Amino acid sequence: MTPEQQKQQEAIKERLSTIGQSILILSGKGGVGKSTVAVNLAVALAAKGASVGLLDVDIHGPSIPGMCGLKGREVFTRDESMVPVAFNENLSVMSVGFLLGGSDDAVIWRGPMKYSVIRQFISEVEWGKLDYLVIDSPPGTGDEPLTVAQLITGNAGAVVVTTPQRVSIDDVRRSITFCRKLNLAVHGIIENMSGFVCPNCGETIDIFDSGGGEALCREMGVPFLGRLPIDRTIVDSCDTGLPFMLAEDESPVKSAFREITKRLITGEEQAAGKQKEIEKELTFMKLAIPLVDNKLSMHFGHCEQFAFIEFDENGTMGKRENLAPPAHEPGVLPAWLHEQGATHIIAGGMGSRAQGLFTEKGITVVVGAPVDSPESIAKAYVEGTLTSGDNVCDH
């Protein structure tokens, strides 16, 4: 990696650190309403008070500026950064469409050039602190979505848009496989153009069939976010540059999209909560260290006391408590240490049967620790610098 590439990589990392959640909008094929979903999702999230960025990486067909009523707007630079175009106080937009001389200009770029401009969009656009970055990519699994998926890290996922027809559903399978190969979470599938609601009688007619997206979700094990009906409101919103989620009149598609947004946010919150629980389980520790004369005892079962030392999820040492163990009997210490909340026991030596009893209680055993103070041993273990010797016992 050249110094310039290294500098850009650091800039990308810095930009992404200020973004709460990146959502990549994908589709297996064109013409399914992916950009419409991207625009209205960004608008809906911003309407809830979130700070949102909308990034258009559809290099050859940048339709986002027109859908947002921002055609002809220019991108300014400030301190070597590009300033995105403001849609409203909560939503800003960036697209290659802002950089073209006119709407008739064609972008004729090969893969490396597209890769370079997408990296620039992520590293050099001054988004500020965002709750969400919604990214509209071209259909398929080509250069643009691949580049974005490889660049966005941390709290990122994809929403896949499809229509009910079999040919579109088959393409979505490839999109989901694409995400899984790149370790990109799939937040769910939206089935667009799912039925037409007659404005006169209210009857729903399945022009392009219905239910294919939901069936695929069950097959692939991903969430189904909902259906969007065919609605004249969508056509009008794309032509006028006013997203349908901002239209004054209520419509079937607006109502359906409101529910989709709610499901998406709820799913993210649940996933984030589960992740925090997992991280807490993985990082919160209560170490038990057998002591004699306030140093590690080489025989855990005949120690004077156990030092219990807690560490929080950031690896910060908390309180220490010394407790005298019960009389040494087979099977007593594992149960007692489990009752005290110990997650790890660090000892000089321990037999295989005893280790098995601790494992059954969910307690990790570390043997071969040196004779030292409990704080030094605990700190070295958490930092990954504990030097372990042979599994020996002086008893």
Protein backbone atom coordinates (compact mmCIF):
# COMPACT_ATOMS: atom_id res chain seq x y z
CA MET A 1 0.00 0.00 0.00
CA THR A 2 1.41 3.37 -1.04
CA PRO A 3 1.61 6.29 1.46
CA GLU A 4 -1.28 7.95 -0.40
CA GLN A 5 -3.42 4.81 -0.16
CA GLN A 6 -2.53 4.46 3.52
CA LYS A 7 -3.58 8.06 4.11
CA GLN A 8 -6.89 7.47 2.34
CA GLN A 9 -7.49 4.27 4.31
CA GLU A 10 -7.00 6.17 7.56
CA ALA A 11 -9.40 8.86 6.33
CA ILE A 12 -12.02 6.19 5.52
CA LYS A 13 -11.65 4.72 8.99
CA GLU A 14 -12.01 8.16 10.55
CA ARG A 15 -15.14 8.98 8.50
CA LEU A 16 -16.81 5.66 9.31
CA SER A 17 -16.11 6.11 13.02
CA THR A 18 -18.62 8.98 13.06
CA ILE A 19 -21.39 6.95 11.38
CA GLY A 20 -23.71 4.94 13.59
CA GLN A 21 -25.23 2.56 11.00
CA SER A 22 -24.46 2.06 7.31
CA ILE A 23 -27.30 0.58 5.22
CA LEU A 24 -26.46 -0.64 1.71
CA ILE A 25 -29.51 -0.86 -0.59
CA LEU A 26 -29.11 -3.75 -3.04
CA SER A 27 -31.12 -5.41 -5.78
CA GLY A 28 -30.47 -8.45 -7.90
CA LYS A 29 -31.64 -6.73 -11.09
CA GLY A 30 -32.57 -3.27 -12.32
CA GLY A 31 -35.99 -1.70 -12.44
CA VAL A 32 -37.23 -2.93 -9.06
CA GLY A 33 -37.37 0.46 -7.34
CA LYS A 34 -34.14 0.24 -5.37
CA SER A 35 -33.30 3.96 -5.62
CA THR A 36 -36.87 4.88 -4.68
CA VAL A 37 -36.51 2.76 -1.55
CA ALA A 38 -33.12 4.33 -0.74
CA VAL A 39 -34.43 7.90 -1.04
CA ASN A 40 -37.59 7.34 0.97
CA LEU A 41 -35.81 5.31 3.64
CA ALA A 42 -33.34 8.16 4.13
CA VAL A 43 -36.20 10.68 4.26
CA ALA A 44 -38.22 8.54 6.69
CA LEU A 45 -35.24 8.13 9.05
CA ALA A 46 -34.50 11.86 8.90
CA ALA A 47 -38.17 12.63 9.65
CA LYS A 48 -37.77 10.68 12.89
CA GLY A 49 -35.06 13.12 13.96
CA ALA A 50 -32.05 11.01 12.94
CA SER A 51 -29.03 12.56 11.24
CA VAL A 52 -28.83 10.84 7.84
CA GLY A 53 -26.51 10.78 4.85
CA LEU A 54 -27.62 9.46 1.44
CA LEU A 55 -24.74 8.29 -0.76
CA ASP A 56 -25.40 7.45 -4.43
CA VAL A 57 -22.73 5.10 -5.82
CA ASP A 58 -24.70 4.20 -8.94
CA ILE A 59 -21.94 5.67 -11.10
CA HIS A 60 -23.59 5.08 -14.51
CA GLY A 61 -27.17 5.90 -13.51
CA PRO A 62 -27.14 8.50 -10.72
CA SER A 63 -30.86 9.08 -10.22
CA ILE A 64 -30.78 10.26 -6.60
CA PRO A 65 -30.34 14.01 -7.31
CA GLY A 66 -33.46 14.04 -9.50
CA MET A 67 -35.53 12.01 -7.03
CA CYS A 68 -34.57 14.46 -4.27
CA GLY A 69 -35.23 17.59 -6.33
CA LEU A 70 -31.54 18.49 -6.22
CA LYS A 71 -30.64 18.47 -9.93
CA GLY A 72 -28.16 21.17 -10.87
CA ARG A 73 -26.83 21.59 -7.33
CA GLU A 74 -23.06 21.85 -6.92
CA VAL A 75 -20.70 20.22 -4.45
CA PHE A 76 -18.34 22.55 -2.62
CA THR A 77 -15.03 21.74 -0.98
CA ARG A 78 -13.84 22.78 2.45
CA ASP A 79 -10.44 21.93 3.91
CA GLU A 80 -9.82 19.30 1.20
CA SER A 81 -13.19 17.66 1.93
CA MET A 82 -16.35 17.58 -0.20
CA VAL A 83 -19.43 19.06 1.45
CA PRO A 84 -22.57 17.01 0.66
CA VAL A 85 -25.66 18.77 -0.66
CA ALA A 86 -28.25 19.48 2.02
CA PHE A 87 -31.77 18.14 1.43
CA ASN A 88 -33.01 19.37 4.81
CA GLU A 89 -31.50 19.92 8.24
CA ASN A 90 -31.33 16.19 8.99
CA LEU A 91 -30.47 14.79 5.55
CA SER A 92 -27.51 15.41 3.23
CA VAL A 93 -26.85 13.83 -0.17
CA MET A 94 -23.79 12.94 -2.25
CA SER A 95 -23.86 11.60 -5.82
CA VAL A 96 -21.66 11.52 -8.90
CA GLY A 97 -24.63 13.24 -10.54
CA PHE A 98 -23.59 16.46 -8.80
CA LEU A 99 -20.18 16.26 -10.46
CA LEU A 100 -21.36 15.88 -14.06
CA GLY A 101 -21.62 18.84 -16.41
CA GLY A 102 -25.19 18.03 -17.41
CA SER A 103 -27.88 15.37 -17.34
CA ASP A 104 -26.82 14.15 -20.82
CA ASP A 105 -23.22 13.42 -19.75
CA ALA A 106 -22.28 9.75 -19.77
CA VAL A 107 -19.84 8.20 -17.34
CA ILE A 108 -17.54 5.80 -19.20
CA TRP A 109 -15.32 4.32 -16.50
CA ARG A 110 -13.77 0.93 -15.97
CA GLY A 111 -13.64 -0.84 -12.61
CA PRO A 112 -10.50 0.81 -11.14
CA MET A 113 -11.86 4.31 -11.81
CA LYS A 114 -15.18 3.45 -10.16
CA TYR A 115 -13.35 1.90 -7.22
CA SER A 116 -11.31 5.08 -6.83
CA VAL A 117 -14.26 7.49 -6.85
CA ILE A 118 -16.23 5.40 -4.35
CA ARG A 119 -13.25 5.41 -1.99
CA GLN A 120 -13.13 9.19 -2.41
CA PHE A 121 -16.83 9.51 -1.63
CA ILE A 122 -16.35 7.63 1.64
CA SER A 123 -13.03 9.17 2.66
CA GLU A 124 -13.42 12.78 1.51
CA VAL A 125 -17.10 13.64 2.00
CA GLU A 126 -17.62 15.70 5.15
CA TRP A 127 -20.69 13.92 6.50
CA GLY A 128 -20.16 14.92 10.10
CA LYS A 129 -21.72 12.73 12.78
CA LEU A 130 -24.46 10.53 11.30
CA ASP A 131 -26.95 8.13 12.81
CA TYR A 132 -27.43 6.48 9.41
CA LEU A 133 -25.64 6.41 6.06
CA VAL A 134 -27.98 5.02 3.38
CA ILE A 135 -26.05 3.88 0.30
CA ASP A 136 -27.77 3.39 -3.05
CA SER A 137 -25.80 1.04 -5.32
CA PRO A 138 -26.46 -0.16 -8.86
CA PRO A 139 -28.17 -3.53 -9.36
CA GLY A 140 -26.26 -6.77 -9.22
CA THR A 141 -23.04 -7.68 -7.44
CA GLY A 142 -20.50 -5.80 -9.54
CA ASP A 143 -17.75 -3.28 -8.83
CA GLU A 144 -19.81 -0.65 -6.98
CA PRO A 145 -21.61 -2.78 -4.36
CA LEU A 146 -18.50 -4.94 -3.94
CA THR A 147 -16.33 -1.89 -3.29
CA VAL A 148 -18.77 -0.43 -0.78
CA ALA A 149 -19.27 -3.74 1.04
CA GLN A 150 -15.52 -4.14 1.40
CA LEU A 151 -15.03 -0.59 2.66
CA ILE A 152 -17.84 -0.15 5.19
CA THR A 153 -17.01 -1.92 8.43
CA GLY A 154 -18.48 -2.16 11.88
CA ASN A 155 -22.20 -1.56 12.20
CA ALA A 156 -23.26 -2.15 8.59
CA GLY A 157 -25.88 -4.17 6.79
CA ALA A 158 -27.91 -4.48 3.61
CA VAL A 159 -31.55 -4.16 2.57
CA VAL A 160 -32.43 -6.06 -0.61
CA VAL A 161 -35.23 -4.84 -2.88
CA THR A 162 -37.10 -7.19 -5.21
CA THR A 163 -40.34 -7.53 -7.14
CA PRO A 164 -42.58 -10.61 -6.91
CA GLN A 165 -41.63 -12.14 -10.28
CA ARG A 166 -39.63 -15.35 -10.29
CA VAL A 167 -36.78 -13.86 -12.34
CA SER A 168 -36.29 -11.09 -9.78
CA ILE A 169 -36.53 -13.47 -6.81
CA ASP A 170 -33.84 -15.71 -8.33
CA ASP A 171 -31.50 -12.72 -8.63
CA VAL A 172 -32.07 -11.82 -4.97
CA ARG A 173 -30.65 -15.18 -3.92
CA ARG A 174 -27.36 -14.08 -5.45
CA SER A 175 -27.52 -10.78 -3.58
CA ILE A 176 -27.97 -12.56 -0.26
CA THR A 177 -25.13 -14.98 -1.04
CA PHE A 178 -23.01 -11.95 -1.96
CA CYS A 179 -23.69 -10.38 1.46
CA ARG A 180 -22.93 -13.58 3.33
CA LYS A 181 -19.63 -14.08 1.54
CA LEU A 182 -18.61 -10.56 2.56
CA ASN A 183 -19.89 -10.95 6.14
CA LEU A 184 -22.43 -8.17 5.56
CA ALA A 185 -25.58 -8.55 7.63
CA VAL A 186 -28.86 -8.73 5.70
CA HIS A 187 -31.41 -6.55 7.50
CA GLY A 188 -34.21 -7.86 5.30
CA ILE A 189 -36.01 -7.95 1.97
CA ILE A 190 -38.57 -5.46 0.64
CA GLU A 191 -41.01 -6.73 -2.00
CA ASN A 192 -41.81 -3.76 -4.24
CA MET A 193 -44.63 -3.52 -6.83
CA SER A 194 -46.52 -6.07 -4.78
CA GLY A 195 -50.09 -5.62 -5.91
CA PHE A 196 -52.03 -2.63 -7.19
CA VAL A 197 -54.60 -1.02 -4.92
CA CYS A 198 -57.53 0.24 -6.98
CA PRO A 199 -58.16 3.90 -6.05
CA ASN A 200 -61.89 3.48 -6.66
CA CYS A 201 -62.83 0.26 -4.86
CA GLY A 202 -59.71 -0.42 -2.75
CA GLU A 203 -59.30 -3.96 -4.13
CA THR A 204 -55.72 -5.23 -4.45
CA ILE A 205 -54.78 -6.81 -7.79
CA ASP A 206 -51.55 -8.84 -7.92
CA ILE A 207 -50.29 -7.68 -11.31
CA PHE A 208 -46.81 -9.14 -10.84
CA ASP A 209 -47.84 -11.94 -8.48
CA SER A 210 -47.22 -11.59 -4.72
CA GLY A 211 -45.51 -13.31 -1.82
CA GLY A 212 -42.30 -14.30 -3.60
CA GLY A 213 -40.15 -12.06 -1.41
CA GLU A 214 -41.65 -13.39 1.81
CA ALA A 215 -41.22 -17.00 0.65
CA LEU A 216 -37.58 -16.31 -0.20
CA CYS A 217 -37.03 -14.86 3.28
CA ARG A 218 -38.25 -18.07 4.85
CA GLU A 219 -36.05 -20.09 2.51
CA MET A 220 -32.90 -17.99 3.10
CA GLY A 221 -33.48 -17.25 6.79
CA VAL A 222 -33.58 -13.44 6.54
CA PRO A 223 -36.21 -10.95 7.81
CA PHE A 224 -39.11 -9.90 5.59
CA LEU A 225 -39.56 -6.15 5.96
CA GLY A 226 -42.80 -5.78 3.99
CA ARG A 227 -44.55 -5.16 0.65
CA LEU A 228 -44.90 -1.91 -1.28
CA PRO A 229 -47.90 -1.72 -3.64
CA ILE A 230 -47.87 -0.17 -7.10
CA ASP A 231 -48.98 3.39 -6.55
CA ARG A 232 -49.30 6.46 -8.78
CA THR A 233 -47.80 8.42 -5.87
CA ILE A 234 -44.40 6.87 -6.59
CA VAL A 235 -44.43 8.01 -10.22
CA ASP A 236 -45.39 11.53 -9.23
CA SER A 237 -42.73 11.71 -6.51
CA CYS A 238 -39.94 10.61 -8.87
CA ASP A 239 -41.01 13.11 -11.53
CA THR A 240 -41.40 16.06 -9.17
CA GLY A 241 -38.40 15.37 -6.95
CA LEU A 242 -40.54 15.18 -3.81
CA PRO A 243 -40.14 11.80 -2.02
CA PHE A 244 -43.54 10.21 -1.43
CA MET A 245 -42.84 9.99 2.32
CA LEU A 246 -43.06 13.79 2.39
CA ALA A 247 -46.33 13.99 0.46
CA GLU A 248 -49.15 15.63 2.39
CA ASP A 249 -51.75 13.05 1.39
CA GLU A 250 -51.76 9.58 2.90
CA SER A 251 -51.38 6.73 0.39
CA PRO A 252 -51.11 2.93 0.49
CA VAL A 253 -47.41 3.03 -0.35
CA LYS A 254 -46.68 5.68 2.27
CA SER A 255 -48.48 3.68 4.94
CA ALA A 256 -46.69 0.47 3.92
CA PHE A 257 -43.29 2.17 3.87
CA ARG A 258 -43.85 3.62 7.34
CA GLU A 259 -44.31 0.07 8.67
CA ILE A 260 -41.22 -1.14 6.79
CA THR A 261 -39.10 1.61 8.35
CA LYS A 262 -40.44 0.72 11.78
CA ARG A 263 -39.57 -2.98 11.30
CA LEU A 264 -36.09 -2.09 10.06
CA ILE A 265 -35.32 0.14 13.02
CA THR A 266 -36.76 -2.36 15.50
CA GLY A 267 -34.72 -5.16 13.96
CA GLU A 268 -31.53 -3.09 14.19
CA GLU A 269 -32.19 -2.21 17.82
CA GLN A 270 -32.80 -5.85 18.71
CA ALA A 271 -29.66 -6.93 16.87
CA ALA A 272 -27.63 -4.20 18.58
CA GLY A 273 -29.01 -5.26 21.98
CA LYS A 274 -28.09 -8.89 21.35
CA GLN A 275 -24.62 -7.85 20.23
CA LYS A 276 -24.10 -5.84 23.40
CA GLU A 277 -25.18 -8.82 25.48
CA ILE A 278 -22.75 -11.04 23.61
CA GLU A 279 -19.93 -8.53 24.02
CA LYS A 280 -20.66 -8.25 27.71
CA GLU A 281 -20.59 -12.01 28.11
CA LEU A 282 -17.32 -12.17 26.24
CA THR A 283 -15.54 -9.30 27.96
CA PHE A 284 -16.92 -9.07 31.50
CA MET A 285 -14.78 -11.27 33.74
CA LYS A 286 -14.48 -12.18 37.37
CA LEU A 287 -11.17 -13.90 37.99
CA ALA A 288 -10.63 -16.26 40.93
CA ILE A 289 -7.01 -16.68 42.04
CA PRO A 290 -6.02 -19.06 44.92
CA LEU A 291 -3.72 -17.40 47.49
CA VAL A 292 -1.19 -18.28 50.15
CA ASP A 293 0.48 -15.31 51.89
CA ASN A 294 -1.22 -13.02 49.36
CA LYS A 295 0.56 -14.74 46.46
CA LEU A 296 -0.70 -17.32 44.02
CA SER A 297 -0.98 -20.74 45.61
CA MET A 298 0.39 -23.53 43.44
CA HIS A 299 -2.36 -25.84 44.69
CA PHE A 300 -5.78 -24.31 44.20
CA GLY A 301 -7.57 -26.75 46.51
CA HIS A 302 -5.45 -26.06 49.60
CA CYS A 303 -5.21 -22.29 49.47
CA GLU A 304 -5.92 -19.90 52.35
CA GLN A 305 -8.14 -17.60 50.34
CA PHE A 306 -9.39 -16.85 46.84
CA ALA A 307 -8.94 -13.36 45.44
CA PHE A 308 -11.90 -12.37 43.24
CA ILE A 309 -11.05 -9.55 40.83
CA GLU A 310 -13.61 -8.04 38.44
CA PHE A 311 -13.02 -6.45 35.03
CA ASP A 312 -15.60 -4.42 33.11
CA GLU A 313 -16.31 -4.65 29.39
CA ASN A 314 -13.48 -2.19 28.66
CA GLY A 315 -10.92 -4.34 30.45
CA THR A 316 -10.72 -1.99 33.42
CA MET A 317 -9.92 -3.62 36.75
CA GLY A 318 -12.63 -3.22 39.35
CA LYS A 319 -12.94 -4.26 42.97
CA ARG A 320 -11.04 -7.11 44.62
CA GLU A 321 -12.56 -9.32 47.28
CA ASN A 322 -10.83 -12.06 49.31
CA LEU A 323 -12.93 -14.99 50.52
CA ALA A 324 -12.00 -18.12 52.43
CA PRO A 325 -13.04 -21.26 50.54
CA PRO A 326 -15.07 -24.10 52.07
CA ALA A 327 -13.35 -27.28 53.25
CA HIS A 328 -11.63 -29.12 50.43
CA GLU A 329 -13.88 -31.92 49.23
CA PRO A 330 -14.27 -33.32 45.68
CA GLY A 331 -16.67 -31.18 43.65
CA VAL A 332 -17.15 -28.52 46.36
CA LEU A 333 -14.92 -25.77 44.94
CA PRO A 334 -16.39 -25.73 41.41
CA ALA A 335 -19.89 -25.26 42.82
CA TRP A 336 -18.73 -22.64 45.33
CA LEU A 337 -16.74 -20.63 42.77
CA HIS A 338 -19.71 -20.74 40.40
CA GLU A 339 -21.93 -19.32 43.16
CA GLN A 340 -19.45 -16.46 43.62
CA GLY A 341 -19.82 -15.57 39.92
CA ALA A 342 -16.30 -16.56 38.87
CA THR A 343 -15.82 -16.75 35.11
CA HIS A 344 -12.13 -17.77 35.20
CA ILE A 345 -9.80 -19.48 37.67
CA ILE A 346 -6.06 -18.91 37.33
CA ALA A 347 -3.92 -21.52 39.03
CA GLY A 348 -0.43 -22.93 39.08
CA GLY A 349 -1.55 -26.50 38.48
CA MET A 350 -4.74 -28.55 38.35
CA GLY A 351 -5.63 -32.12 37.48
CA SER A 352 -7.68 -32.93 34.40
CA ARG A 353 -10.69 -34.16 36.42
CA ALA A 354 -10.83 -30.91 38.40
CA GLN A 355 -10.56 -28.91 35.17
CA GLY A 356 -13.49 -30.87 33.77
CA LEU A 357 -15.63 -30.04 36.81
CA PHE A 358 -14.91 -26.32 36.38
CA THR A 359 -15.70 -26.51 32.67
CA GLU A 360 -19.08 -28.07 33.47
CA LYS A 361 -19.81 -24.97 35.57
CA GLY A 362 -18.85 -22.67 32.69
CA ILE A 363 -15.61 -21.54 34.35
CA THR A 364 -12.50 -21.15 32.19
CA VAL A 365 -9.35 -22.66 33.72
CA VAL A 366 -5.88 -21.19 33.19
CA VAL A 367 -2.96 -23.21 34.56
CA GLY A 368 0.78 -22.70 34.73
CA ALA A 369 0.53 -19.19 36.18
CA PRO A 370 3.61 -17.88 38.06
CA VAL A 371 3.73 -17.07 41.78
CA ASP A 372 2.90 -13.37 41.95
CA SER A 373 0.38 -10.94 43.43
CA PRO A 374 -3.23 -11.47 42.29
CA GLU A 375 -3.45 -7.97 40.74
CA SER A 376 -0.33 -8.56 38.63
CA ILE A 377 -1.57 -11.95 37.47
CA ALA A 378 -5.07 -10.66 36.65
CA LYS A 379 -3.79 -7.59 34.80
CA ALA A 380 -1.35 -9.68 32.75
CA TYR A 381 -4.08 -12.17 31.85
CA VAL A 382 -6.54 -9.51 30.67
CA GLU A 383 -3.82 -7.73 28.66
CA GLY A 384 -2.74 -11.01 27.11
CA THR A 385 0.78 -10.87 28.56
CA LEU A 386 0.50 -13.61 31.21
CA THR A 387 3.43 -15.99 30.89
CA SER A 388 2.26 -19.54 31.56
CA GLY A 389 4.53 -22.39 32.52
CA ASP A 390 3.89 -26.07 33.05
CA ASN A 391 0.76 -27.37 34.73
CA VAL A 392 2.51 -28.13 38.04
CA CYS A 393 1.30 -28.44 41.60
CA ASP A 394 3.33 -28.33 44.82
CA HIS A 395 0.82 -30.48 46.73
